[in-house]
């Protein structure tokens, strides 16, 4: 279960990776983790009911990985919560999430743990996340929440990695693509909220922790490379569109205030109009159906529709 022998001065980190059929991605991720220099961590792959035999391949090729098999694709939040419970039962000091379509620098975990240790109020710590195919371009340098606009976005997204985002700083939240969290935070605020299903569950988690005085810290010296919706080709699928809208709505319904809603509705309406034109120009009717089905379900206060994504709509999108 361990890549490296334990070190007496290093907290025990459990890294949780969700896997669903995408063997090439997970294999590359685990291969990069094999070179990690941090001396005291465990790697856990949570197989979300893969149907292509890839779980058996992982078990055979990476014997140092602890494989947890789930009966079906329970998607992101529930799958990660399974890993969280397992890590806490096994005395993890820190729990980390890592998407299976990422690759890491050997010292990324050293840098994250060092930053967490340096700041006792750092509940969450996350790296600089760059595009896998354009490693000089940033995907996320932390997350910003703009409540009056109903907007959640990655800081630094699509910016060149030219030093502008090279300062350690507190941010509103961190991307669940890669972050670590202190055990004490999980014990205080609980696991991820399963009502989110997928998307925005990480932002909600960080926001709940912030209400208890914990900070989210961005650490640029830790570097991770993300393939960004690799399995779905980066497009706006029905599944992705639907759940992004539902989860973002749920977040602002929970954490917004009444005086935010006039501007939220105006901004979101304008965003819908612009996105409709873009997706029409791409002839992306499934994505548009997802957007408007989500809006309808919100309007009639219907519980979100949950179904597993198909082969082209992966949970690591």
C-alpha atoms as a PDB file:
ATOM      1  CA  UNK A   1       0.000   0.000   0.000  1.00  0.00           C
ATOM      2  CA  UNK A   2       2.998   2.274   0.390  1.00  0.00           C
ATOM      3  CA  UNK A   3       5.322   3.643  -2.272  1.00  0.00           C
ATOM      4  CA  UNK A   4       7.993   4.557   0.231  1.00  0.00           C
ATOM      5  CA  UNK A   5       9.001   3.602   3.755  1.00  0.00           C
ATOM      6  CA  UNK A   6       7.615   5.678   6.572  1.00  0.00           C
ATOM      7  CA  UNK A   7       9.580   8.656   7.851  1.00  0.00           C
ATOM      8  CA  UNK A   8       9.368   9.583  11.546  1.00  0.00           C
ATOM      9  CA  UNK A   9       9.065  13.338  10.962  1.00  0.00           C
ATOM     10  CA  UNK A  10       6.612  13.234   8.075  1.00  0.00           C
ATOM     11  CA  UNK A  11       2.816  13.042   8.500  1.00  0.00           C
ATOM     12  CA  UNK A  12       1.139  10.082   6.834  1.00  0.00           C
ATOM     13  CA  UNK A  13      -0.598  11.097   3.589  1.00  0.00           C
ATOM     14  CA  UNK A  14      -3.222   9.009   1.848  1.00  0.00           C
ATOM     15  CA  UNK A  15      -3.637   9.899  -1.840  1.00  0.00           C
ATOM     16  CA  UNK A  16      -7.024   8.937  -3.297  1.00  0.00           C
ATOM     17  CA  UNK A  17      -7.457   8.418  -7.053  1.00  0.00           C
ATOM     18  CA  UNK A  18     -10.781   7.631  -8.694  1.00  0.00           C
ATOM     19  CA  UNK A  19     -10.649   5.301 -11.682  1.00  0.00           C
ATOM     20  CA  UNK A  20     -13.330   4.346 -14.192  1.00  0.00           C
ATOM     21  CA  UNK A  21     -12.234   2.443 -17.305  1.00  0.00           C
ATOM     22  CA  UNK A  22      -9.609   5.020 -18.391  1.00  0.00           C
ATOM     23  CA  UNK A  23      -6.608   2.711 -17.995  1.00  0.00           C
ATOM     24  CA  UNK A  24      -4.098   4.761 -19.977  1.00  0.00           C
ATOM     25  CA  UNK A  25      -4.727   7.844 -17.848  1.00  0.00           C
ATOM     26  CA  UNK A  26      -4.539   5.998 -14.541  1.00  0.00           C
ATOM     27  CA  UNK A  27      -1.456   4.054 -15.601  1.00  0.00           C
ATOM     28  CA  UNK A  28       0.380   7.286 -16.481  1.00  0.00           C
ATOM     29  CA  UNK A  29      -0.720   8.911 -13.215  1.00  0.00           C
ATOM     30  CA  UNK A  30       0.504   5.993 -11.112  1.00  0.00           C
ATOM     31  CA  UNK A  31       3.766   5.808 -13.029  1.00  0.00           C
ATOM     32  CA  UNK A  32       4.454   9.437 -12.147  1.00  0.00           C
ATOM     33  CA  UNK A  33       3.591   8.767  -8.496  1.00  0.00           C
ATOM     34  CA  UNK A  34       6.162   5.971  -8.399  1.00  0.00           C
ATOM     35  CA  UNK A  35       8.830   8.667  -8.532  1.00  0.00           C
ATOM     36  CA  UNK A  36       7.454  10.859  -5.747  1.00  0.00           C
ATOM     37  CA  UNK A  37      10.105  11.721  -3.159  1.00  0.00           C
ATOM     38  CA  UNK A  38       7.879  12.278  -0.127  1.00  0.00           C
ATOM     39  CA  UNK A  39       8.737   9.422   2.274  1.00  0.00           C
ATOM     40  CA  UNK A  40       5.402   8.624   3.947  1.00  0.00           C
ATOM     41  CA  UNK A  41       2.378   8.222   1.708  1.00  0.00           C
ATOM     42  CA  UNK A  42      -0.086   5.600   0.549  1.00  0.00           C
ATOM     43  CA  UNK A  43      -1.746   5.471  -2.839  1.00  0.00           C
ATOM     44  CA  UNK A  44      -5.338   4.250  -3.058  1.00  0.00           C
ATOM     45  CA  UNK A  45      -7.144   3.716  -6.351  1.00  0.00           C
ATOM     46  CA  UNK A  46     -10.927   3.620  -5.988  1.00  0.00           C
ATOM     47  CA  UNK A  47     -12.304   1.705  -8.949  1.00  0.00           C
ATOM     48  CA  UNK A  48     -15.738   3.082  -9.779  1.00  0.00           C
ATOM     49  CA  UNK A  49     -17.136  -0.159 -11.172  1.00  0.00           C
ATOM     50  CA  UNK A  50     -14.917  -0.366 -14.269  1.00  0.00           C
ATOM     51  CA  UNK A  51     -16.262  -2.686 -16.945  1.00  0.00           C
ATOM     52  CA  UNK A  52     -13.207  -3.184 -19.160  1.00  0.00           C
ATOM     53  CA  UNK A  53     -10.886  -5.219 -16.938  1.00  0.00           C
ATOM     54  CA  UNK A  54      -8.695  -2.217 -16.160  1.00  0.00           C
ATOM     55  CA  UNK A  55      -8.932  -2.712 -12.382  1.00  0.00           C
ATOM     56  CA  UNK A  56      -7.246  -6.098 -12.740  1.00  0.00           C
ATOM     57  CA  UNK A  57      -4.491  -4.542 -14.857  1.00  0.00           C
ATOM     58  CA  UNK A  58      -3.841  -1.868 -12.209  1.00  0.00           C
ATOM     59  CA  UNK A  59      -3.708  -4.482  -9.485  1.00  0.00           C
ATOM     60  CA  UNK A  60      -1.197  -6.519 -11.476  1.00  0.00           C
ATOM     61  CA  UNK A  61       1.043  -3.687 -12.716  1.00  0.00           C
ATOM     62  CA  UNK A  62       1.087  -1.578  -9.526  1.00  0.00           C
ATOM     63  CA  UNK A  63       1.266  -3.944  -6.538  1.00  0.00           C
ATOM     64  CA  UNK A  64       2.103  -1.063  -4.183  1.00  0.00           C
ATOM     65  CA  UNK A  65      -1.314   0.496  -4.839  1.00  0.00           C
ATOM     66  CA  UNK A  66      -4.242  -0.327  -2.573  1.00  0.00           C
ATOM     67  CA  UNK A  67      -7.199  -0.998  -4.873  1.00  0.00           C
ATOM     68  CA  UNK A  68     -10.752  -0.483  -3.635  1.00  0.00           C
ATOM     69  CA  UNK A  69     -13.446  -1.926  -5.909  1.00  0.00           C
ATOM     70  CA  UNK A  70     -16.912  -0.386  -5.931  1.00  0.00           C
ATOM     71  CA  UNK A  71     -19.916  -2.241  -7.312  1.00  0.00           C
ATOM     72  CA  UNK A  72     -20.847   0.483  -9.806  1.00  0.00           C
ATOM     73  CA  UNK A  73     -19.922   3.948 -11.007  1.00  0.00           C
ATOM     74  CA  UNK A  74     -21.025   6.033  -8.030  1.00  0.00           C
ATOM     75  CA  UNK A  75     -19.392   9.123  -9.579  1.00  0.00           C
ATOM     76  CA  UNK A  76     -17.030  11.556  -7.921  1.00  0.00           C
ATOM     77  CA  UNK A  77     -18.324  12.659  -4.533  1.00  0.00           C
ATOM     78  CA  UNK A  78     -19.509   9.320  -3.208  1.00  0.00           C
ATOM     79  CA  UNK A  79     -16.410   7.580  -4.544  1.00  0.00           C
ATOM     80  CA  UNK A  80     -14.103  10.050  -2.833  1.00  0.00           C
ATOM     81  CA  UNK A  81     -16.042   9.783   0.411  1.00  0.00           C
ATOM     82  CA  UNK A  82     -15.428   6.016   0.390  1.00  0.00           C
ATOM     83  CA  UNK A  83     -11.717   6.767   0.244  1.00  0.00           C
ATOM     84  CA  UNK A  84     -11.955   9.425   2.960  1.00  0.00           C
ATOM     85  CA  UNK A  85     -13.559   7.009   5.402  1.00  0.00           C
ATOM     86  CA  UNK A  86     -10.928   4.377   4.645  1.00  0.00           C
ATOM     87  CA  UNK A  87      -8.076   6.846   5.145  1.00  0.00           C
ATOM     88  CA  UNK A  88      -9.398   8.101   8.485  1.00  0.00           C
ATOM     89  CA  UNK A  89      -9.900   4.545   9.748  1.00  0.00           C
ATOM     90  CA  UNK A  90      -6.261   3.862   8.934  1.00  0.00           C
ATOM     91  CA  UNK A  91      -4.778   6.821  10.832  1.00  0.00           C
ATOM     92  CA  UNK A  92      -4.095   9.161   7.921  1.00  0.00           C
ATOM     93  CA  UNK A  93      -2.797  12.553   9.086  1.00  0.00           C
ATOM     94  CA  UNK A  94      -3.522  14.110   5.692  1.00  0.00           C
ATOM     95  CA  UNK A  95      -5.793  12.990   2.865  1.00  0.00           C
ATOM     96  CA  UNK A  96      -5.204  14.021  -0.727  1.00  0.00           C
ATOM     97  CA  UNK A  97      -7.253  13.894  -3.918  1.00  0.00           C
ATOM     98  CA  UNK A  98      -5.601  13.395  -7.293  1.00  0.00           C
ATOM     99  CA  UNK A  99      -7.474  13.030 -10.577  1.00  0.00           C
ATOM    100  CA  UNK A 100      -6.462  10.024 -12.604  1.00  0.00           C
ATOM    101  CA  UNK A 101      -5.782  12.166 -15.686  1.00  0.00           C
ATOM    102  CA  UNK A 102      -2.891  13.974 -14.000  1.00  0.00           C
ATOM    103  CA  UNK A 103       0.855  13.500 -13.745  1.00  0.00           C
ATOM    104  CA  UNK A 104       2.964  14.976 -10.959  1.00  0.00           C
ATOM    105  CA  UNK A 105       6.437  16.329 -10.340  1.00  0.00           C
ATOM    106  CA  UNK A 106       8.463  14.137  -7.948  1.00  0.00           C
ATOM    107  CA  UNK A 107       8.517  16.795  -5.200  1.00  0.00           C
ATOM    108  CA  UNK A 108       4.888  17.936  -5.451  1.00  0.00           C
ATOM    109  CA  UNK A 109       3.864  16.237  -2.213  1.00  0.00           C
ATOM    110  CA  UNK A 110       6.936  17.493  -0.321  1.00  0.00           C
ATOM    111  CA  UNK A 111       5.969  21.040  -1.288  1.00  0.00           C
ATOM    112  CA  UNK A 112       2.303  20.647  -0.333  1.00  0.00           C
ATOM    113  CA  UNK A 113       3.052  19.079   3.051  1.00  0.00           C
ATOM    114  CA  UNK A 114       5.741  21.675   3.794  1.00  0.00           C
ATOM    115  CA  UNK A 115       3.258  24.503   3.163  1.00  0.00           C
ATOM    116  CA  UNK A 116       0.610  22.847   5.315  1.00  0.00           C
ATOM    117  CA  UNK A 117       3.088  22.354   8.154  1.00  0.00           C
ATOM    118  CA  UNK A 118       4.229  25.974   7.960  1.00  0.00           C
ATOM    119  CA  UNK A 119       0.701  27.349   8.427  1.00  0.00           C
ATOM    120  CA  UNK A 120      -1.351  25.807  11.247  1.00  0.00           C
ATOM    121  CA  UNK A 121      -4.571  27.320   9.830  1.00  0.00           C
ATOM    122  CA  UNK A 122      -4.029  25.837   6.375  1.00  0.00           C
ATOM    123  CA  UNK A 123      -6.862  23.349   6.107  1.00  0.00           C
ATOM    124  CA  UNK A 124      -6.486  22.727   2.379  1.00  0.00           C
ATOM    125  CA  UNK A 125      -3.341  23.045   0.280  1.00  0.00           C
ATOM    126  CA  UNK A 126      -3.182  22.759  -3.505  1.00  0.00           C
ATOM    127  CA  UNK A 127      -0.569  22.977  -6.276  1.00  0.00           C
ATOM    128  CA  UNK A 128      -0.151  24.921  -9.461  1.00  0.00           C
ATOM    129  CA  UNK A 129      -2.025  22.832 -12.026  1.00  0.00           C
ATOM    130  CA  UNK A 130      -0.870  23.143 -15.621  1.00  0.00           C
ATOM    131  CA  UNK A 131      -2.220  21.754 -18.870  1.00  0.00           C
ATOM    132  CA  UNK A 132      -0.673  18.395 -19.637  1.00  0.00           C
ATOM    133  CA  UNK A 133      -0.275  19.130 -23.328  1.00  0.00           C
ATOM    134  CA  UNK A 134       0.853  22.751 -22.810  1.00  0.00           C
ATOM    135  CA  UNK A 135       3.024  22.649 -19.737  1.00  0.00           C
ATOM    136  CA  UNK A 136       3.820  26.351 -19.903  1.00  0.00           C
ATOM    137  CA  UNK A 137       0.120  27.215 -19.509  1.00  0.00           C
ATOM    138  CA  UNK A 138      -1.808  27.288 -16.212  1.00  0.00           C
ATOM    139  CA  UNK A 139      -5.119  25.514 -15.695  1.00  0.00           C
ATOM    140  CA  UNK A 140      -5.612  26.458 -12.023  1.00  0.00           C
ATOM    141  CA  UNK A 141      -3.763  28.569  -9.486  1.00  0.00           C
ATOM    142  CA  UNK A 142      -6.570  28.254  -6.972  1.00  0.00           C
ATOM    143  CA  UNK A 143     -10.278  29.008  -7.205  1.00  0.00           C
ATOM    144  CA  UNK A 144     -12.070  32.347  -6.911  1.00  0.00           C
ATOM    145  CA  UNK A 145     -15.718  32.665  -5.886  1.00  0.00           C
ATOM    146  CA  UNK A 146     -17.601  35.787  -7.016  1.00  0.00           C
ATOM    147  CA  UNK A 147     -20.869  35.583  -5.100  1.00  0.00           C
ATOM    148  CA  UNK A 148     -22.643  38.624  -6.607  1.00  0.00           C
ATOM    149  CA  UNK A 149     -22.229  37.072 -10.065  1.00  0.00           C
ATOM    150  CA  UNK A 150     -22.774  33.419  -9.204  1.00  0.00           C
ATOM    151  CA  UNK A 151     -19.347  32.739 -10.682  1.00  0.00           C
ATOM    152  CA  UNK A 152     -16.696  30.180  -9.690  1.00  0.00           C
ATOM    153  CA  UNK A 153     -13.537  30.147 -11.770  1.00  0.00           C
ATOM    154  CA  UNK A 154      -9.915  29.043 -11.767  1.00  0.00           C
ATOM    155  CA  UNK A 155      -7.353  31.754 -11.134  1.00  0.00           C
ATOM    156  CA  UNK A 156      -4.723  31.905 -13.849  1.00  0.00           C
ATOM    157  CA  UNK A 157      -6.624  29.698 -16.274  1.00  0.00           C
ATOM    158  CA  UNK A 158      -5.029  29.728 -19.749  1.00  0.00           C
ATOM    159  CA  UNK A 159      -2.334  32.191 -18.625  1.00  0.00           C
ATOM    160  CA  UNK A 160       1.258  31.519 -19.510  1.00  0.00           C
ATOM    161  CA  UNK A 161       3.307  30.280 -16.569  1.00  0.00           C
ATOM    162  CA  UNK A 162       5.522  33.372 -16.592  1.00  0.00           C
ATOM    163  CA  UNK A 163       5.877  34.001 -12.854  1.00  0.00           C
ATOM    164  CA  UNK A 164       2.640  35.906 -12.330  1.00  0.00           C
ATOM    165  CA  UNK A 165       1.259  33.103 -10.167  1.00  0.00           C
ATOM    166  CA  UNK A 166       4.421  32.132  -8.313  1.00  0.00           C
ATOM    167  CA  UNK A 167       3.497  33.446  -4.854  1.00  0.00           C
ATOM    168  CA  UNK A 168       2.071  31.278  -2.066  1.00  0.00           C
ATOM    169  CA  UNK A 169      -1.290  32.776  -1.128  1.00  0.00           C
ATOM    170  CA  UNK A 170      -4.669  32.118   0.392  1.00  0.00           C
ATOM    171  CA  UNK A 171      -7.466  31.546  -2.130  1.00  0.00           C
ATOM    172  CA  UNK A 172     -11.218  31.055  -1.845  1.00  0.00           C
ATOM    173  CA  UNK A 173     -11.011  27.350  -2.676  1.00  0.00           C
ATOM    174  CA  UNK A 174      -8.926  24.727  -4.471  1.00  0.00           C
ATOM    175  CA  UNK A 175      -9.625  22.353  -7.330  1.00  0.00           C
ATOM    176  CA  UNK A 176     -10.358  18.789  -6.283  1.00  0.00           C
ATOM    177  CA  UNK A 177      -8.194  17.733  -9.217  1.00  0.00           C
ATOM    178  CA  UNK A 178      -5.362  17.874  -6.666  1.00  0.00           C
ATOM    179  CA  UNK A 179      -5.430  19.013  -3.066  1.00  0.00           C
ATOM    180  CA  UNK A 180      -4.545  17.797   0.402  1.00  0.00           C
ATOM    181  CA  UNK A 181      -6.587  18.319   3.555  1.00  0.00           C
ATOM    182  CA  UNK A 182      -5.798  17.973   7.244  1.00  0.00           C
ATOM    183  CA  UNK A 183      -7.452  15.179   9.176  1.00  0.00           C
ATOM    184  CA  UNK A 184      -8.693  17.697  11.754  1.00  0.00           C
ATOM    185  CA  UNK A 185     -10.612  19.594   9.070  1.00  0.00           C
ATOM    186  CA  UNK A 186     -12.455  16.457   7.939  1.00  0.00           C
ATOM    187  CA  UNK A 187     -13.288  15.614  11.541  1.00  0.00           C
ATOM    188  CA  UNK A 188     -14.678  19.134  12.097  1.00  0.00           C
ATOM    189  CA  UNK A 189     -16.703  19.696   8.925  1.00  0.00           C
ATOM    190  CA  UNK A 190     -17.354  16.163   7.689  1.00  0.00           C
ATOM    191  CA  UNK A 191     -16.803  14.601   4.290  1.00  0.00           C
ATOM    192  CA  UNK A 192     -17.809  15.948   0.890  1.00  0.00           C
ATOM    193  CA  UNK A 193     -21.501  16.774   0.541  1.00  0.00           C
ATOM    194  CA  UNK A 194     -22.970  13.907  -1.534  1.00  0.00           C
ATOM    195  CA  UNK A 195     -25.771  16.165  -2.757  1.00  0.00           C
ATOM    196  CA  UNK A 196     -23.303  17.670  -5.222  1.00  0.00           C
ATOM    197  CA  UNK A 197     -22.830  14.321  -7.045  1.00  0.00           C
ATOM    198  CA  UNK A 198     -19.950  15.831  -9.024  1.00  0.00           C
ATOM    199  CA  UNK A 199     -18.567  19.335  -9.729  1.00  0.00           C
ATOM    200  CA  UNK A 200     -18.344  22.129  -7.124  1.00  0.00           C
ATOM    201  CA  UNK A 201     -18.132  19.643  -4.246  1.00  0.00           C
ATOM    202  CA  UNK A 202     -14.539  20.792  -3.720  1.00  0.00           C
ATOM    203  CA  UNK A 203     -15.550  24.474  -3.587  1.00  0.00           C
ATOM    204  CA  UNK A 204     -18.307  23.703  -1.108  1.00  0.00           C
ATOM    205  CA  UNK A 205     -15.866  21.736   1.076  1.00  0.00           C
ATOM    206  CA  UNK A 206     -13.351  24.580   1.181  1.00  0.00           C
ATOM    207  CA  UNK A 207     -16.121  27.102   1.857  1.00  0.00           C
ATOM    208  CA  UNK A 208     -17.485  25.076   4.767  1.00  0.00           C
ATOM    209  CA  UNK A 209     -13.971  24.893   6.203  1.00  0.00           C
ATOM    210  CA  UNK A 210     -13.460  28.634   5.782  1.00  0.00           C
ATOM    211  CA  UNK A 211     -16.533  29.223   7.950  1.00  0.00           C
ATOM    212  CA  UNK A 212     -14.630  27.397  10.709  1.00  0.00           C
ATOM    213  CA  UNK A 213     -11.495  29.508  10.250  1.00  0.00           C
ATOM    214  CA  UNK A 214      -9.502  27.180   7.969  1.00  0.00           C
ATOM    215  CA  UNK A 215      -7.754  28.601   4.921  1.00  0.00           C
ATOM    216  CA  UNK A 216      -7.135  27.220   1.443  1.00  0.00           C
ATOM    217  CA  UNK A 217      -3.526  27.770   0.379  1.00  0.00           C
ATOM    218  CA  UNK A 218      -2.172  27.753  -3.173  1.00  0.00           C
ATOM    219  CA  UNK A 219       1.441  26.527  -3.460  1.00  0.00           C
ATOM    220  CA  UNK A 220       3.073  27.266  -6.844  1.00  0.00           C
ATOM    221  CA  UNK A 221       6.218  25.240  -6.186  1.00  0.00           C
ATOM    222  CA  UNK A 222       4.106  22.077  -6.254  1.00  0.00           C
ATOM    223  CA  UNK A 223       3.340  21.276  -9.888  1.00  0.00           C
ATOM    224  CA  UNK A 224       0.782  18.911 -11.403  1.00  0.00           C
ATOM    225  CA  UNK A 225      -0.142  18.412 -15.070  1.00  0.00           C
ATOM    226  CA  UNK A 226      -3.798  17.875 -15.938  1.00  0.00           C
ATOM    227  CA  UNK A 227      -5.208  16.446 -19.175  1.00  0.00           C
ATOM    228  CA  UNK A 228      -8.480  18.362 -18.556  1.00  0.00           C
ATOM    229  CA  UNK A 229     -11.549  16.377 -19.572  1.00  0.00           C
ATOM    230  CA  UNK A 230      -9.374  13.909 -21.421  1.00  0.00           C
ATOM    231  CA  UNK A 231     -12.008  11.212 -21.788  1.00  0.00           C
ATOM    232  CA  UNK A 232     -14.718  13.521 -23.097  1.00  0.00           C
ATOM    233  CA  UNK A 233     -12.463  15.406 -25.488  1.00  0.00           C
ATOM    234  CA  UNK A 234     -12.886  18.655 -23.563  1.00  0.00           C
ATOM    235  CA  UNK A 235     -16.327  19.328 -25.009  1.00  0.00           C
ATOM    236  CA  UNK A 236     -19.560  20.246 -23.273  1.00  0.00           C
ATOM    237  CA  UNK A 237     -21.428  16.944 -23.051  1.00  0.00           C
ATOM    238  CA  UNK A 238     -25.015  16.620 -21.844  1.00  0.00           C
ATOM    239  CA  UNK A 239     -23.799  15.036 -18.604  1.00  0.00           C
ATOM    240  CA  UNK A 240     -21.160  17.666 -17.909  1.00  0.00           C
ATOM    241  CA  UNK A 241     -23.439  20.601 -18.749  1.00  0.00           C
ATOM    242  CA  UNK A 242     -26.291  19.287 -16.631  1.00  0.00           C
ATOM    243  CA  UNK A 243     -24.279  18.565 -13.499  1.00  0.00           C
ATOM    244  CA  UNK A 244     -22.150  21.713 -13.665  1.00  0.00           C
ATOM    245  CA  UNK A 245     -25.274  23.870 -13.715  1.00  0.00           C
ATOM    246  CA  UNK A 246     -27.018  21.873 -10.982  1.00  0.00           C
ATOM    247  CA  UNK A 247     -23.975  21.880  -8.695  1.00  0.00           C
ATOM    248  CA  UNK A 248     -23.227  25.575  -9.183  1.00  0.00           C
ATOM    249  CA  UNK A 249     -26.872  26.395  -8.416  1.00  0.00           C
ATOM    250  CA  UNK A 250     -26.721  24.273  -5.292  1.00  0.00           C
ATOM    251  CA  UNK A 251     -23.551  26.039  -4.141  1.00  0.00           C
ATOM    252  CA  UNK A 252     -24.969  29.555  -4.411  1.00  0.00           C
ATOM    253  CA  UNK A 253     -28.319  28.496  -3.001  1.00  0.00           C
ATOM    254  CA  UNK A 254     -26.366  27.297   0.053  1.00  0.00           C
ATOM    255  CA  UNK A 255     -23.637  29.912   0.366  1.00  0.00           C
ATOM    256  CA  UNK A 256     -25.092  32.965  -1.368  1.00  0.00           C
ATOM    257  CA  UNK A 257     -27.180  35.695   0.269  1.00  0.00           C
ATOM    258  CA  UNK A 258     -30.489  37.145  -0.785  1.00  0.00           C
ATOM    259  CA  UNK A 259     -28.902  40.373  -2.025  1.00  0.00           C
ATOM    260  CA  UNK A 260     -26.685  38.413  -4.452  1.00  0.00           C
ATOM    261  CA  UNK A 261     -29.577  36.951  -6.412  1.00  0.00           C
ATOM    262  CA  UNK A 262     -30.612  39.900  -8.609  1.00  0.00           C
ATOM    263  CA  UNK A 263     -27.116  40.149 -10.088  1.00  0.00           C
ATOM    264  CA  UNK A 264     -26.629  36.378 -10.126  1.00  0.00           C
ATOM    265  CA  UNK A 265     -29.747  35.912 -12.239  1.00  0.00           C
ATOM    266  CA  UNK A 266     -28.753  38.693 -14.635  1.00  0.00           C
ATOM    267  CA  UNK A 267     -25.204  37.379 -15.022  1.00  0.00           C
ATOM    268  CA  UNK A 268     -26.282  33.753 -15.417  1.00  0.00           C
ATOM    269  CA  UNK A 269     -28.947  34.719 -17.941  1.00  0.00           C
ATOM    270  CA  UNK A 270     -26.379  36.570 -20.031  1.00  0.00           C
ATOM    271  CA  UNK A 271     -24.015  33.621 -19.724  1.00  0.00           C
ATOM    272  CA  UNK A 272     -26.692  31.219 -20.907  1.00  0.00           C
ATOM    273  CA  UNK A 273     -27.395  33.389 -23.936  1.00  0.00           C
ATOM    274  CA  UNK A 274     -23.708  33.614 -24.884  1.00  0.00           C
ATOM    275  CA  UNK A 275     -23.093  29.897 -24.326  1.00  0.00           C
ATOM    276  CA  UNK A 276     -26.174  29.010 -26.360  1.00  0.00           C
ATOM    277  CA  UNK A 277     -24.790  30.914 -29.347  1.00  0.00           C
ATOM    278  CA  UNK A 278     -21.375  29.274 -28.976  1.00  0.00           C
ATOM    279  CA  UNK A 279     -22.753  25.743 -28.713  1.00  0.00           C
ATOM    280  CA  UNK A 280     -25.208  26.326 -31.559  1.00  0.00           C
ATOM    281  CA  UNK A 281     -22.294  27.370 -33.753  1.00  0.00           C
ATOM    282  CA  UNK A 282     -20.644  24.073 -32.810  1.00  0.00           C
ATOM    283  CA  UNK A 283     -23.910  22.186 -33.408  1.00  0.00           C
ATOM    284  CA  UNK A 284     -23.594  20.783 -29.915  1.00  0.00           C
ATOM    285  CA  UNK A 285     -27.240  19.929 -29.295  1.00  0.00           C
ATOM    286  CA  UNK A 286     -26.522  17.405 -26.475  1.00  0.00           C
ATOM    287  CA  UNK A 287     -24.645  20.064 -24.493  1.00  0.00           C
ATOM    288  CA  UNK A 288     -27.475  22.540 -24.979  1.00  0.00           C
ATOM    289  CA  UNK A 289     -30.034  19.967 -23.883  1.00  0.00           C
ATOM    290  CA  UNK A 290     -28.014  19.455 -20.696  1.00  0.00           C
ATOM    291  CA  UNK A 291     -27.922  23.195 -19.989  1.00  0.00           C
ATOM    292  CA  UNK A 292     -31.629  23.706 -20.471  1.00  0.00           C
ATOM    293  CA  UNK A 293     -32.718  20.494 -18.758  1.00  0.00           C
ATOM    294  CA  UNK A 294     -30.757  21.670 -15.702  1.00  0.00           C
ATOM    295  CA  UNK A 295     -32.447  25.073 -15.837  1.00  0.00           C
ATOM    296  CA  UNK A 296     -35.856  23.396 -16.075  1.00  0.00           C
ATOM    297  CA  UNK A 297     -35.177  21.069 -13.142  1.00  0.00           C
ATOM    298  CA  UNK A 298     -34.025  24.028 -11.043  1.00  0.00           C
ATOM    299  CA  UNK A 299     -37.141  26.003 -11.979  1.00  0.00           C
ATOM    300  CA  UNK A 300     -39.494  23.181 -11.000  1.00  0.00           C
ATOM    301  CA  UNK A 301     -37.331  22.246  -7.994  1.00  0.00           C
ATOM    302  CA  UNK A 302     -36.809  18.711  -9.208  1.00  0.00           C
ATOM    303  CA  UNK A 303     -34.019  16.554  -7.813  1.00  0.00           C
ATOM    304  CA  UNK A 304     -31.114  16.261 -10.266  1.00  0.00           C
ATOM    305  CA  UNK A 305     -31.171  13.406 -12.710  1.00  0.00           C
ATOM    306  CA  UNK A 306     -28.351  10.987 -11.965  1.00  0.00           C
ATOM    307  CA  UNK A 307     -27.109   8.453 -14.416  1.00  0.00           C
ATOM    308  CA  UNK A 308     -23.613   7.127 -15.042  1.00  0.00           C
ATOM    309  CA  UNK A 309     -21.802   8.793 -17.923  1.00  0.00           C
ATOM    310  CA  UNK A 310     -21.267   6.757 -21.055  1.00  0.00           C
ATOM    311  CA  UNK A 311     -17.853   5.875 -22.431  1.00  0.00           C
ATOM    312  CA  UNK A 312     -17.378   9.354 -23.878  1.00  0.00           C
ATOM    313  CA  UNK A 313     -18.435  11.163 -20.694  1.00  0.00           C
ATOM    314  CA  UNK A 314     -15.961  10.110 -18.018  1.00  0.00           C
ATOM    315  CA  UNK A 315     -16.115  10.965 -14.339  1.00  0.00           C
ATOM    316  CA  UNK A 316     -12.599  12.330 -14.548  1.00  0.00           C
ATOM    317  CA  UNK A 317     -13.747  15.076 -16.876  1.00  0.00           C
END
